[in-house]
Amino acid sequence: MEFQCRHRQRCIEERDRENGSHQAQSENTSGYFNTAIGNLALSDNVTGDDNVAVGWGSGTTASFTNTISIGNYGYLNAFSDQAFIGNLSTTWNGGNVTWSTFSRMHA
């Protein structure tokens, strides 16, 4: 749907409501390279960078860096360098093979 109006901000807000992204990243003031899809996604992030949030209310509890949040409303990331898939209602995560844990090796 193409929006045409004279007040740019109102058009953007209306488009976001139509697309389900209303107030995504609403508190962001200086965070860079963040992606938020969904109403209120990544809304508590103010200065954090390199975050991805997908789903209603998904994201972090504050400004963190390098997080991935998918469908984690109600169970938000509370530290940098975390990936959350699902919330406390999610009963299973997995795939065709066993999940593995990797960490960086430090010299």
PDB file of N, CA and C in Angstrom:
ATOM      1  N   MET A   1       0.830  -1.168   0.000  1.00  0.00           N
ATOM      2  CA  MET A   1       0.000   0.000   0.000  1.00  0.00           C
ATOM      3  C   MET A   1       0.879   1.237   0.000  1.00  0.00           C
ATOM      4  N   GLU A   2       0.628   2.173  -0.860  1.00  0.00           N
ATOM      5  CA  GLU A   2       1.404   3.396  -0.942  1.00  0.00           C
ATOM      6  C   GLU A   2       0.680   4.499  -0.191  1.00  0.00           C
ATOM      7  N   PHE A   3       1.391   5.210   0.680  1.00  0.00           N
ATOM      8  CA  PHE A   3       0.789   6.277   1.456  1.00  0.00           C
ATOM      9  C   PHE A   3       1.116   7.614   0.829  1.00  0.00           C
ATOM     10  N   GLN A   4       0.119   8.455   0.723  1.00  0.00           N
ATOM     11  CA  GLN A   4       0.306   9.798   0.203  1.00  0.00           C
ATOM     12  C   GLN A   4      -0.357  10.768   1.160  1.00  0.00           C
ATOM     13  N   CYS A   5       0.426  11.624   1.767  1.00  0.00           N
ATOM     14  CA  CYS A   5      -0.127  12.659   2.629  1.00  0.00           C
ATOM     15  C   CYS A   5       0.863  13.795   2.744  1.00  0.00           C
ATOM     16  N   ARG A   6       0.423  14.867   3.358  1.00  0.00           N
ATOM     17  CA  ARG A   6       1.259  16.068   3.448  1.00  0.00           C
ATOM     18  C   ARG A   6       2.154  16.077   4.677  1.00  0.00           C
ATOM     19  N   HIS A   7       1.848  15.278   5.659  1.00  0.00           N
ATOM     20  CA  HIS A   7       2.614  15.265   6.906  1.00  0.00           C
ATOM     21  C   HIS A   7       3.396  13.963   6.987  1.00  0.00           C
ATOM     22  N   ARG A   8       4.676  14.041   6.703  1.00  0.00           N
ATOM     23  CA  ARG A   8       5.529  12.862   6.583  1.00  0.00           C
ATOM     24  C   ARG A   8       5.473  11.968   7.818  1.00  0.00           C
ATOM     25  N   GLN A   9       5.598  12.543   9.031  1.00  0.00           N
ATOM     26  CA  GLN A   9       5.629  11.734  10.245  1.00  0.00           C
ATOM     27  C   GLN A   9       4.331  10.965  10.423  1.00  0.00           C
ATOM     28  N   ARG A  10       3.183  11.597  10.162  1.00  0.00           N
ATOM     29  CA  ARG A  10       1.914  10.883  10.279  1.00  0.00           C
ATOM     30  C   ARG A  10       1.828   9.750   9.268  1.00  0.00           C
ATOM     31  N   CYS A  11       2.362   9.967   8.078  1.00  0.00           N
ATOM     32  CA  CYS A  11       2.364   8.902   7.070  1.00  0.00           C
ATOM     33  C   CYS A  11       3.197   7.717   7.534  1.00  0.00           C
ATOM     34  N   ILE A  12       4.357   8.005   8.102  1.00  0.00           N
ATOM     35  CA  ILE A  12       5.245   6.940   8.574  1.00  0.00           C
ATOM     36  C   ILE A  12       4.566   6.156   9.699  1.00  0.00           C
ATOM     37  N   GLU A  13       3.953   6.859  10.642  1.00  0.00           N
ATOM     38  CA  GLU A  13       3.274   6.184  11.743  1.00  0.00           C
ATOM     39  C   GLU A  13       2.120   5.328  11.239  1.00  0.00           C
ATOM     40  N   GLU A  14       1.345   5.840  10.301  1.00  0.00           N
ATOM     41  CA  GLU A  14       0.233   5.072   9.748  1.00  0.00           C
ATOM     42  C   GLU A  14       0.742   3.842   8.993  1.00  0.00           C
ATOM     43  N   ARG A  15       1.799   4.017   8.215  1.00  0.00           N
ATOM     44  CA  ARG A  15       2.379   2.887   7.485  1.00  0.00           C
ATOM     45  C   ARG A  15       2.874   1.826   8.443  1.00  0.00           C
ATOM     46  N   ASP A  16       3.532   2.246   9.528  1.00  0.00           N
ATOM     47  CA  ASP A  16       4.050   1.292  10.499  1.00  0.00           C
ATOM     48  C   ASP A  16       2.928   0.537  11.197  1.00  0.00           C
ATOM     49  N   ARG A  17       1.826   1.208  11.507  1.00  0.00           N
ATOM     50  CA  ARG A  17       0.691   0.519  12.106  1.00  0.00           C
ATOM     51  C   ARG A  17       0.124  -0.513  11.147  1.00  0.00           C
ATOM     52  N   GLU A  18       0.042  -0.161   9.883  1.00  0.00           N
ATOM     53  CA  GLU A  18      -0.461  -1.084   8.862  1.00  0.00           C
ATOM     54  C   GLU A  18       0.461  -2.287   8.704  1.00  0.00           C
ATOM     55  N   ASN A  19       1.771  -2.065   8.820  1.00  0.00           N
ATOM     56  CA  ASN A  19       2.756  -3.126   8.603  1.00  0.00           C
ATOM     57  C   ASN A  19       3.120  -3.871   9.876  1.00  0.00           C
ATOM     58  N   GLY A  20       2.557  -3.495  11.012  1.00  0.00           N
ATOM     59  CA  GLY A  20       2.839  -4.195  12.262  1.00  0.00           C
ATOM     60  C   GLY A  20       4.169  -3.839  12.886  1.00  0.00           C
ATOM     61  N   SER A  21       4.678  -2.634  12.665  1.00  0.00           N
ATOM     62  CA  SER A  21       5.956  -2.230  13.237  1.00  0.00           C
ATOM     63  C   SER A  21       5.819  -0.952  14.055  1.00  0.00           C
ATOM     64  N   HIS A  22       4.658  -0.698  14.602  1.00  0.00           N
ATOM     65  CA  HIS A  22       4.417   0.528  15.339  1.00  0.00           C
ATOM     66  C   HIS A  22       5.326   0.603  16.565  1.00  0.00           C
ATOM     67  N   GLN A  23       6.031   1.694  16.707  1.00  0.00           N
ATOM     68  CA  GLN A  23       6.923   2.003  17.817  1.00  0.00           C
ATOM     69  C   GLN A  23       8.110   1.054  17.938  1.00  0.00           C
ATOM     70  N   ALA A  24       8.467   0.369  16.885  1.00  0.00           N
ATOM     71  CA  ALA A  24       9.695  -0.430  16.917  1.00  0.00           C
ATOM     72  C   ALA A  24      10.869   0.527  17.083  1.00  0.00           C
ATOM     73  N   GLN A  25      11.796   0.210  17.949  1.00  0.00           N
ATOM     74  CA  GLN A  25      12.965   1.028  18.249  1.00  0.00           C
ATOM     75  C   GLN A  25      12.580   2.428  18.702  1.00  0.00           C
ATOM     76  N   SER A  26      11.467   2.568  19.382  1.00  0.00           N
ATOM     77  CA  SER A  26      10.937   3.889  19.733  1.00  0.00           C
ATOM     78  C   SER A  26      11.842   4.699  20.663  1.00  0.00           C
ATOM     79  N   GLU A  27      12.675   4.058  21.474  1.00  0.00           N
ATOM     80  CA  GLU A  27      13.540   4.771  22.415  1.00  0.00           C
ATOM     81  C   GLU A  27      14.962   4.952  21.905  1.00  0.00           C
ATOM     82  N   ASN A  28      15.270   4.443  20.734  1.00  0.00           N
ATOM     83  CA  ASN A  28      16.635   4.505  20.203  1.00  0.00           C
ATOM     84  C   ASN A  28      17.048   5.950  19.948  1.00  0.00           C
ATOM     85  N   THR A  29      18.153   6.374  20.574  1.00  0.00           N
ATOM     86  CA  THR A  29      18.659   7.727  20.349  1.00  0.00           C
ATOM     87  C   THR A  29      20.000   7.730  19.634  1.00  0.00           C
ATOM     88  N   SER A  30      20.838   6.729  19.901  1.00  0.00           N
ATOM     89  CA  SER A  30      22.158   6.734  19.270  1.00  0.00           C
ATOM     90  C   SER A  30      22.677   5.339  18.950  1.00  0.00           C
ATOM     91  N   GLY A  31      21.828   4.322  19.029  1.00  0.00           N
ATOM     92  CA  GLY A  31      22.251   2.972  18.671  1.00  0.00           C
ATOM     93  C   GLY A  31      22.309   2.813  17.156  1.00  0.00           C
ATOM     94  N   TYR A  32      23.270   2.052  16.667  1.00  0.00           N
ATOM     95  CA  TYR A  32      23.465   1.870  15.235  1.00  0.00           C
ATOM     96  C   TYR A  32      23.343   0.406  14.837  1.00  0.00           C
ATOM     97  N   PHE A  33      23.001   0.184  13.572  1.00  0.00           N
ATOM     98  CA  PHE A  33      22.974  -1.138  12.949  1.00  0.00           C
ATOM     99  C   PHE A  33      22.011  -2.100  13.649  1.00  0.00           C
ATOM    100  N   ASN A  34      20.875  -1.582  14.090  1.00  0.00           N
ATOM    101  CA  ASN A  34      19.831  -2.390  14.711  1.00  0.00           C
ATOM    102  C   ASN A  34      18.724  -2.657  13.701  1.00  0.00           C
ATOM    103  N   THR A  35      18.079  -3.823  13.828  1.00  0.00           N
ATOM    104  CA  THR A  35      16.938  -4.172  12.991  1.00  0.00           C
ATOM    105  C   THR A  35      15.804  -4.619  13.894  1.00  0.00           C
ATOM    106  N   ALA A  36      14.638  -3.999  13.752  1.00  0.00           N
ATOM    107  CA  ALA A  36      13.484  -4.340  14.577  1.00  0.00           C
ATOM    108  C   ALA A  36      12.254  -4.506  13.697  1.00  0.00           C
ATOM    109  N   ILE A  37      11.610  -5.659  13.805  1.00  0.00           N
ATOM    110  CA  ILE A  37      10.400  -5.946  13.037  1.00  0.00           C
ATOM    111  C   ILE A  37       9.326  -6.400  14.017  1.00  0.00           C
ATOM    112  N   GLY A  38       8.236  -5.665  14.096  1.00  0.00           N
ATOM    113  CA  GLY A  38       7.141  -5.999  14.997  1.00  0.00           C
ATOM    114  C   GLY A  38       6.831  -4.862  15.943  1.00  0.00           C
ATOM    115  N   ASN A  39       5.587  -4.786  16.381  1.00  0.00           N
ATOM    116  CA  ASN A  39       5.180  -3.736  17.319  1.00  0.00           C
ATOM    117  C   ASN A  39       6.030  -3.785  18.572  1.00  0.00           C
ATOM    118  N   LEU A  40       6.567  -2.630  18.945  1.00  0.00           N
ATOM    119  CA  LEU A  40       7.385  -2.457  20.148  1.00  0.00           C
ATOM    120  C   LEU A  40       8.660  -3.295  20.157  1.00  0.00           C
ATOM    121  N   ALA A  41       9.054  -3.849  19.033  1.00  0.00           N
ATOM    122  CA  ALA A  41      10.298  -4.626  18.975  1.00  0.00           C
ATOM    123  C   ALA A  41      11.490  -3.722  19.257  1.00  0.00           C
ATOM    124  N   LEU A  42      12.373  -4.168  20.090  1.00  0.00           N
ATOM    125  CA  LEU A  42      13.597  -3.457  20.480  1.00  0.00           C
ATOM    126  C   LEU A  42      13.295  -2.073  21.053  1.00  0.00           C
ATOM    127  N   SER A  43      12.146  -1.931  21.698  1.00  0.00           N
ATOM    128  CA  SER A  43      11.725  -0.613  22.178  1.00  0.00           C
ATOM    129  C   SER A  43      12.477  -0.143  23.420  1.00  0.00           C
ATOM    130  N   ASP A  44      13.130  -1.022  24.163  1.00  0.00           N
ATOM    131  CA  ASP A  44      13.889  -0.608  25.349  1.00  0.00           C
ATOM    132  C   ASP A  44      15.345  -0.288  25.034  1.00  0.00           C
ATOM    133  N   ASN A  45      15.762  -0.491  23.806  1.00  0.00           N
ATOM    134  CA  ASN A  45      17.142  -0.203  23.422  1.00  0.00           C
ATOM    135  C   ASN A  45      17.291   1.289  23.140  1.00  0.00           C
ATOM    136  N   VAL A  46      18.226   1.938  23.830  1.00  0.00           N
ATOM    137  CA  VAL A  46      18.452   3.371  23.634  1.00  0.00           C
ATOM    138  C   VAL A  46      19.761   3.611  22.889  1.00  0.00           C
ATOM    139  N   THR A  47      20.820   2.921  23.302  1.00  0.00           N
ATOM    140  CA  THR A  47      22.137   3.179  22.724  1.00  0.00           C
ATOM    141  C   THR A  47      22.834   1.930  22.188  1.00  0.00           C
ATOM    142  N   GLY A  48      22.248   0.763  22.350  1.00  0.00           N
ATOM    143  CA  GLY A  48      22.895  -0.484  21.936  1.00  0.00           C
ATOM    144  C   GLY A  48      23.005  -0.610  20.423  1.00  0.00           C
ATOM    145  N   ASP A  49      24.010  -1.340  19.959  1.00  0.00           N
ATOM    146  CA  ASP A  49      24.295  -1.516  18.540  1.00  0.00           C
ATOM    147  C   ASP A  49      24.199  -2.990  18.140  1.00  0.00           C
ATOM    148  N   ASP A  50      24.015  -3.214  16.835  1.00  0.00           N
ATOM    149  CA  ASP A  50      24.108  -4.551  16.233  1.00  0.00           C
ATOM    150  C   ASP A  50      23.102  -5.549  16.810  1.00  0.00           C
ATOM    151  N   ASN A  51      21.871  -5.120  17.027  1.00  0.00           N
ATOM    152  CA  ASN A  51      20.837  -5.985  17.576  1.00  0.00           C
ATOM    153  C   ASN A  51      19.786  -6.305  16.526  1.00  0.00           C
ATOM    154  N   VAL A  52      19.176  -7.484  16.648  1.00  0.00           N
ATOM    155  CA  VAL A  52      18.083  -7.892  15.771  1.00  0.00           C
ATOM    156  C   VAL A  52      16.933  -8.351  16.662  1.00  0.00           C
ATOM    157  N   ALA A  53      15.731  -7.823  16.408  1.00  0.00           N
ATOM    158  CA  ALA A  53      14.542  -8.233  17.159  1.00  0.00           C
ATOM    159  C   ALA A  53      13.402  -8.460  16.181  1.00  0.00           C
ATOM    160  N   VAL A  54      12.788  -9.640  16.266  1.00  0.00           N
ATOM    161  CA  VAL A  54      11.671  -9.985  15.388  1.00  0.00           C
ATOM    162  C   VAL A  54      10.527 -10.482  16.251  1.00  0.00           C
ATOM    163  N   GLY A  55       9.373  -9.833  16.143  1.00  0.00           N
ATOM    164  CA  GLY A  55       8.198 -10.251  16.890  1.00  0.00           C
ATOM    165  C   GLY A  55       7.720  -9.184  17.846  1.00  0.00           C
ATOM    166  N   TRP A  56       6.444  -9.263  18.190  1.00  0.00           N
ATOM    167  CA  TRP A  56       5.827  -8.284  19.062  1.00  0.00           C
ATOM    168  C   TRP A  56       6.558  -8.197  20.392  1.00  0.00           C
ATOM    169  N   GLY A  57       7.039  -6.990  20.745  1.00  0.00           N
ATOM    170  CA  GLY A  57       7.688  -6.767  22.029  1.00  0.00           C
ATOM    171  C   GLY A  57       8.999  -7.496  22.234  1.00  0.00           C
ATOM    172  N   SER A  58       9.584  -8.036  21.193  1.00  0.00           N
ATOM    173  CA  SER A  58      10.842  -8.769  21.361  1.00  0.00           C
ATOM    174  C   SER A  58      12.004  -7.800  21.471  1.00  0.00           C
ATOM    175  N   GLY A  59      13.101  -8.255  22.061  1.00  0.00           N
ATOM    176  CA  GLY A  59      14.276  -7.404  22.177  1.00  0.00           C
ATOM    177  C   GLY A  59      15.014  -7.605  23.474  1.00  0.00           C
ATOM    178  N   THR A  60      15.477  -6.479  24.037  1.00  0.00           N
ATOM    179  CA  THR A  60      16.320  -6.509  25.229  1.00  0.00           C
ATOM    180  C   THR A  60      15.660  -5.706  26.352  1.00  0.00           C
ATOM    181  N   THR A  61      16.146  -5.884  27.583  1.00  0.00           N
ATOM    182  CA  THR A  61      15.612  -5.145  28.722  1.00  0.00           C
ATOM    183  C   THR A  61      16.201  -3.745  28.832  1.00  0.00           C
ATOM    184  N   ALA A  62      17.290  -3.486  28.124  1.00  0.00           N
ATOM    185  CA  ALA A  62      17.957  -2.180  28.146  1.00  0.00           C
ATOM    186  C   ALA A  62      18.852  -2.102  26.911  1.00  0.00           C
ATOM    187  N   SER A  63      19.856  -1.246  26.945  1.00  0.00           N
ATOM    188  CA  SER A  63      20.747  -1.073  25.803  1.00  0.00           C
ATOM    189  C   SER A  63      21.899  -2.063  25.854  1.00  0.00           C
ATOM    190  N   PHE A  64      21.853  -3.059  24.996  1.00  0.00           N
ATOM    191  CA  PHE A  64      22.902  -4.063  24.906  1.00  0.00           C
ATOM    192  C   PHE A  64      23.389  -4.147  23.469  1.00  0.00           C
ATOM    193  N   THR A  65      24.443  -4.884  23.244  1.00  0.00           N
ATOM    194  CA  THR A  65      25.055  -4.971  21.928  1.00  0.00           C
ATOM    195  C   THR A  65      25.107  -6.419  21.464  1.00  0.00           C
ATOM    196  N   ASN A  66      24.878  -6.613  20.168  1.00  0.00           N
ATOM    197  CA  ASN A  66      25.039  -7.913  19.540  1.00  0.00           C
ATOM    198  C   ASN A  66      24.081  -8.963  20.103  1.00  0.00           C
ATOM    199  N   THR A  67      22.784  -8.659  20.051  1.00  0.00           N
ATOM    200  CA  THR A  67      21.785  -9.615  20.509  1.00  0.00           C
ATOM    201  C   THR A  67      20.868 -10.003  19.353  1.00  0.00           C
ATOM    202  N   ILE A  68      20.301 -11.187  19.458  1.00  0.00           N
ATOM    203  CA  ILE A  68      19.286 -11.659  18.522  1.00  0.00           C
ATOM    204  C   ILE A  68      18.085 -12.075  19.356  1.00  0.00           C
ATOM    205  N   SER A  69      16.931 -11.518  19.037  1.00  0.00           N
ATOM    206  CA  SER A  69      15.712 -11.775  19.808  1.00  0.00           C
ATOM    207  C   SER A  69      14.596 -12.134  18.843  1.00  0.00           C
ATOM    208  N   ILE A  70      14.131 -13.363  18.902  1.00  0.00           N
ATOM    209  CA  ILE A  70      13.050 -13.803  18.018  1.00  0.00           C
ATOM    210  C   ILE A  70      11.918 -14.349  18.886  1.00  0.00           C
ATOM    211  N   GLY A  71      10.802 -13.650  18.880  1.00  0.00           N
ATOM    212  CA  GLY A  71       9.633 -14.111  19.632  1.00  0.00           C
ATOM    213  C   GLY A  71       9.855 -14.238  21.115  1.00  0.00           C
ATOM    214  N   ASN A  72      10.632 -13.350  21.704  1.00  0.00           N
ATOM    215  CA  ASN A  72      10.969 -13.506  23.122  1.00  0.00           C
ATOM    216  C   ASN A  72      10.251 -12.512  24.028  1.00  0.00           C
ATOM    217  N   TYR A  73       9.057 -12.077  23.649  1.00  0.00           N
ATOM    218  CA  TYR A  73       8.282 -11.188  24.516  1.00  0.00           C
ATOM    219  C   TYR A  73       8.090 -11.834  25.889  1.00  0.00           C
ATOM    220  N   GLY A  74       8.355 -11.060  26.936  1.00  0.00           N
ATOM    221  CA  GLY A  74       8.198 -11.566  28.298  1.00  0.00           C
ATOM    222  C   GLY A  74       9.434 -12.267  28.834  1.00  0.00           C
ATOM    223  N   TYR A  75      10.438 -12.486  27.997  1.00  0.00           N
ATOM    224  CA  TYR A  75      11.685 -13.133  28.416  1.00  0.00           C
ATOM    225  C   TYR A  75      12.808 -12.492  27.606  1.00  0.00           C
ATOM    226  N   LEU A  76      13.075 -11.215  27.886  1.00  0.00           N
ATOM    227  CA  LEU A  76      13.963 -10.405  27.062  1.00  0.00           C
ATOM    228  C   LEU A  76      15.435 -10.629  27.395  1.00  0.00           C
ATOM    229  N   ASN A  77      16.293 -10.424  26.405  1.00  0.00           N
ATOM    230  CA  ASN A  77      17.739 -10.515  26.598  1.00  0.00           C
ATOM    231  C   ASN A  77      18.155  -9.487  27.653  1.00  0.00           C
ATOM    232  N   ALA A  78      19.021  -9.888  28.577  1.00  0.00           N
ATOM    233  CA  ALA A  78      19.446  -8.999  29.649  1.00  0.00           C
ATOM    234  C   ALA A  78      20.953  -8.757  29.654  1.00  0.00           C
ATOM    235  N   PHE A  79      21.650  -9.214  28.619  1.00  0.00           N
ATOM    236  CA  PHE A  79      23.087  -9.004  28.501  1.00  0.00           C
ATOM    237  C   PHE A  79      23.448  -8.913  27.028  1.00  0.00           C
ATOM    238  N   SER A  80      24.603  -8.376  26.724  1.00  0.00           N
ATOM    239  CA  SER A  80      25.113  -8.353  25.354  1.00  0.00           C
ATOM    240  C   SER A  80      25.506  -9.754  24.920  1.00  0.00           C
ATOM    241  N   ASP A  81      25.610  -9.943  23.623  1.00  0.00           N
ATOM    242  CA  ASP A  81      26.084 -11.207  23.035  1.00  0.00           C
ATOM    243  C   ASP A  81      25.192 -12.400  23.385  1.00  0.00           C
ATOM    244  N   GLN A  82      23.876 -12.197  23.384  1.00  0.00           N
ATOM    245  CA  GLN A  82      22.920 -13.278  23.640  1.00  0.00           C
ATOM    246  C   GLN A  82      22.012 -13.463  22.439  1.00  0.00           C
ATOM    247  N   ALA A  83      21.538 -14.680  22.254  1.00  0.00           N
ATOM    248  CA  ALA A  83      20.524 -14.969  21.242  1.00  0.00           C
ATOM    249  C   ALA A  83      19.385 -15.712  21.916  1.00  0.00           C
ATOM    250  N   PHE A  84      18.182 -15.156  21.841  1.00  0.00           N
ATOM    251  CA  PHE A  84      16.996 -15.788  22.413  1.00  0.00           C
ATOM    252  C   PHE A  84      16.034 -16.124  21.286  1.00  0.00           C
ATOM    253  N   ILE A  85      15.563 -17.341  21.283  1.00  0.00           N
ATOM    254  CA  ILE A  85      14.518 -17.760  20.358  1.00  0.00           C
ATOM    255  C   ILE A  85      13.375 -18.283  21.221  1.00  0.00           C
ATOM    256  N   GLY A  86      12.265 -17.572  21.224  1.00  0.00           N
ATOM    257  CA  GLY A  86      11.128 -17.953  22.040  1.00  0.00           C
ATOM    258  C   GLY A  86      11.179 -17.326  23.417  1.00  0.00           C
ATOM    259  N   ASN A  87      10.157 -17.626  24.212  1.00  0.00           N
ATOM    260  CA  ASN A  87      10.058 -17.102  25.569  1.00  0.00           C
ATOM    261  C   ASN A  87       9.765 -18.251  26.530  1.00  0.00           C
ATOM    262  N   LEU A  88       9.293 -17.947  27.716  1.00  0.00           N
ATOM    263  CA  LEU A  88       9.058 -18.998  28.705  1.00  0.00           C
ATOM    264  C   LEU A  88       7.920 -19.934  28.320  1.00  0.00           C
ATOM    265  N   SER A  89       7.104 -19.547  27.339  1.00  0.00           N
ATOM    266  CA  SER A  89       6.027 -20.421  26.868  1.00  0.00           C
ATOM    267  C   SER A  89       6.489 -21.374  25.771  1.00  0.00           C
ATOM    268  N   THR A  90       7.666 -21.150  25.232  1.00  0.00           N
ATOM    269  CA  THR A  90       8.198 -22.003  24.176  1.00  0.00           C
ATOM    270  C   THR A  90       8.594 -23.343  24.786  1.00  0.00           C
ATOM    271  N   THR A  91       8.101 -24.425  24.216  1.00  0.00           N
ATOM    272  CA  THR A  91       8.367 -25.733  24.807  1.00  0.00           C
ATOM    273  C   THR A  91       9.456 -26.517  24.088  1.00  0.00           C
ATOM    274  N   TRP A  92       9.844 -26.076  22.896  1.00  0.00           N
ATOM    275  CA  TRP A  92      10.878 -26.833  22.186  1.00  0.00           C
ATOM    276  C   TRP A  92      11.586 -25.940  21.185  1.00  0.00           C
ATOM    277  N   ASN A  93      12.898 -26.008  21.152  1.00  0.00           N
ATOM    278  CA  ASN A  93      13.740 -25.380  20.132  1.00  0.00           C
ATOM    279  C   ASN A  93      14.641 -26.469  19.583  1.00  0.00           C
ATOM    280  N   GLY A  94      14.845 -26.461  18.307  1.00  0.00           N
ATOM    281  CA  GLY A  94      15.742 -27.467  17.761  1.00  0.00           C
ATOM    282  C   GLY A  94      15.601 -27.587  16.270  1.00  0.00           C
ATOM    283  N   GLY A  95      16.160 -28.625  15.765  1.00  0.00           N
ATOM    284  CA  GLY A  95      16.117 -28.841  14.332  1.00  0.00           C
ATOM    285  C   GLY A  95      16.386 -30.300  14.018  1.00  0.00           C
ATOM    286  N   ASN A  96      16.841 -30.514  12.828  1.00  0.00           N
ATOM    287  CA  ASN A  96      17.085 -31.853  12.338  1.00  0.00           C
ATOM    288  C   ASN A  96      18.274 -32.516  13.024  1.00  0.00           C
ATOM    289  N   VAL A  97      19.200 -31.704  13.506  1.00  0.00           N
ATOM    290  CA  VAL A  97      20.376 -32.235  14.197  1.00  0.00           C
ATOM    291  C   VAL A  97      20.458 -31.610  15.589  1.00  0.00           C
ATOM    292  N   THR A  98      21.247 -32.195  16.467  1.00  0.00           N
ATOM    293  CA  THR A  98      21.434 -31.680  17.817  1.00  0.00           C
ATOM    294  C   THR A  98      22.077 -30.306  17.778  1.00  0.00           C
ATOM    295  N   TRP A  99      21.610 -29.421  18.629  1.00  0.00           N
ATOM    296  CA  TRP A  99      22.193 -28.088  18.716  1.00  0.00           C
ATOM    297  C   TRP A  99      23.551 -28.192  19.380  1.00  0.00           C
ATOM    298  N   SER A 100      24.460 -27.329  18.985  1.00  0.00           N
ATOM    299  CA  SER A 100      25.809 -27.324  19.537  1.00  0.00           C
ATOM    300  C   SER A 100      26.104 -25.985  20.190  1.00  0.00           C
ATOM    301  N   THR A 101      27.053 -25.990  21.105  1.00  0.00           N
ATOM    302  CA  THR A 101      27.491 -24.769  21.765  1.00  0.00           C
ATOM    303  C   THR A 101      28.899 -24.452  21.304  1.00  0.00           C
ATOM    304  N   PHE A 102      29.068 -23.245  20.777  1.00  0.00           N
ATOM    305  CA  PHE A 102      30.378 -22.787  20.338  1.00  0.00           C
ATOM    306  C   PHE A 102      30.772 -21.575  21.147  1.00  0.00           C
ATOM    307  N   SER A 103      32.046 -21.390  21.359  1.00  0.00           N
ATOM    308  CA  SER A 103      32.521 -20.185  22.009  1.00  0.00           C
ATOM    309  C   SER A 103      33.800 -19.747  21.318  1.00  0.00           C
ATOM    310  N   ARG A 104      34.128 -18.493  21.512  1.00  0.00           N
ATOM    311  CA  ARG A 104      35.370 -17.979  20.925  1.00  0.00           C
ATOM    312  C   ARG A 104      36.563 -18.546  21.682  1.00  0.00           C
ATOM    313  N   MET A 105      37.597 -18.861  20.938  1.00  0.00           N
ATOM    314  CA  MET A 105      38.831 -19.307  21.575  1.00  0.00           C
ATOM    315  C   MET A 105      39.736 -18.108  21.756  1.00  0.00           C
ATOM    316  N   HIS A 106      40.238 -17.916  22.952  1.00  0.00           N
ATOM    317  CA  HIS A 106      41.120 -16.792  23.237  1.00  0.00           C
ATOM    318  C   HIS A 106      42.532 -17.314  23.439  1.00  0.00           C
ATOM    319  N   ALA A 107      43.469 -16.613  22.847  1.00  0.00           N
ATOM    320  CA  ALA A 107      44.879 -17.005  22.979  1.00  0.00           C
ATOM    321  C   ALA A 107      45.476 -16.509  24.251  1.00  0.00           C
TER     322      ALA A 107
END
